[in-house]
Protein backbone atom coordinates (compact mmCIF):
# COMPACT_ATOMS: atom_id res chain seq x y z
CA MET A 1 -67.05 166.35 -56.68
CA ASP A 2 -64.06 164.07 -56.72
CA ASN A 3 -60.87 165.13 -58.58
CA PRO A 4 -60.85 163.05 -61.88
CA LEU A 5 -57.11 162.55 -61.95
CA ARG A 6 -56.75 160.92 -58.59
CA ASN A 7 -55.79 157.27 -58.48
CA ARG A 8 -55.42 157.53 -62.40
CA ARG A 9 -52.24 156.24 -63.99
CA ILE A 10 -51.14 158.35 -66.99
CA VAL A 11 -48.58 157.64 -69.44
CA ILE A 12 -47.61 160.34 -72.07
CA THR A 13 -46.43 159.48 -75.94
CA GLY A 14 -45.05 162.08 -78.48
CA VAL A 15 -43.84 165.77 -78.14
CA LEU A 16 -45.79 167.91 -76.57
CA VAL A 17 -46.72 170.98 -77.78
CA HIS A 18 -48.01 173.53 -74.85
CA TRP A 19 -45.56 172.41 -71.91
CA GLU A 20 -42.37 170.28 -71.28
CA ARG A 21 -42.90 166.61 -70.63
CA GLU A 22 -41.36 167.44 -66.76
CA GLN A 23 -43.49 170.16 -66.28
CA CYS A 24 -46.65 168.30 -67.49
CA GLU A 25 -45.93 165.13 -65.12
CA ARG A 26 -45.13 167.30 -61.99
CA MET A 27 -48.65 168.64 -62.57
CA LEU A 28 -50.42 165.74 -63.12
CA GLU A 29 -49.01 164.55 -59.68
CA ARG A 30 -49.70 167.31 -58.09
CA LEU A 31 -53.43 166.95 -59.10
CA GLY A 32 -53.31 163.34 -58.00
CA ALA A 33 -52.48 161.42 -60.48
CA ARG A 34 -49.29 159.18 -61.59
CA THR A 35 -47.49 159.07 -64.20
CA THR A 36 -45.12 155.99 -65.94
CA GLY A 37 -42.94 155.85 -68.98
CA THR A 38 -44.70 152.70 -70.18
CA VAL A 39 -48.22 151.37 -71.18
CA SER A 40 -49.40 148.22 -68.81
CA GLY A 41 -52.65 147.21 -67.57
CA ARG A 42 -53.02 149.39 -65.15
CA THR A 43 -52.60 152.23 -67.18
CA THR A 44 -55.81 154.71 -66.94
CA LEU A 45 -54.60 156.99 -69.93
CA VAL A 46 -52.22 157.94 -72.28
CA ILE A 47 -51.87 161.41 -73.67
CA VAL A 48 -50.80 161.33 -77.02
CA GLY A 49 -48.62 164.37 -78.60
CA ASP A 50 -47.02 165.13 -82.10
CA GLY A 51 -45.46 162.09 -83.19
CA PRO A 52 -46.69 159.03 -81.16
CA GLY A 53 -45.06 155.99 -81.24
CA ALA A 54 -44.51 152.42 -79.94
CA LYS A 55 -47.05 153.70 -76.41
CA LEU A 56 -49.45 154.68 -78.80
CA GLU A 57 -49.80 151.38 -80.55
CA LYS A 58 -49.28 149.19 -77.08
CA ALA A 59 -52.60 151.20 -75.74
CA ARG A 60 -54.65 150.65 -78.51
CA GLU A 61 -53.99 146.73 -78.36
CA LYS A 62 -54.30 146.85 -74.13
CA GLY A 63 -57.61 149.01 -74.51
CA VAL A 64 -56.22 152.08 -72.95
CA ALA A 65 -58.40 155.31 -73.41
CA THR A 66 -56.00 158.04 -75.35
CA MET A 67 -56.66 161.62 -75.90
CA THR A 68 -54.62 164.52 -77.53
CA GLU A 69 -52.87 166.99 -75.57
CA MET A 70 -55.45 169.39 -76.70
CA GLU A 71 -58.63 167.25 -75.61
CA PHE A 72 -56.80 166.61 -72.39
CA ILE A 73 -55.72 170.13 -71.50
CA GLU A 74 -59.87 170.95 -72.04
CA GLN A 75 -61.71 167.99 -70.84
CA VAL A 76 -59.66 166.59 -67.88
CA LEU A 77 -56.76 169.00 -66.94
CA GLU A 78 -58.89 172.63 -66.72
CA PRO A 79 -62.00 171.15 -64.44
CA ALA A 80 -59.28 169.06 -62.47
CA TYR A 81 -57.07 172.25 -61.92
CA LEU A 82 -59.84 174.22 -60.71
CA LEU A 83 -61.57 171.72 -58.26
CA TRP A 84 -57.62 171.55 -56.70
CA LYS A 85 -57.65 175.30 -56.51
CA ALA A 86 -60.89 175.29 -54.88
CA GLN A 87 -60.16 173.01 -52.28
CA ASN A 88 -56.20 174.35 -51.42
């Protein structure tokens, strides 16, 4: 099974409840994703925390997939981490 975060471009918007933004970005990058601060045509996912702003609007305009912080943790991050841990 391939790493679901490999080569993904992820943007975080809003305030995360479960961790610091920098901590989240480091973990995402360690699992193979690339984090950026702006939504572009290359963005594959926007993680939406509390109080999202213009980044969420831009993601919707561009048709970029969005997930809440909890959806992301449960559906993407936990499985990716388990896969990464098994491989390392």
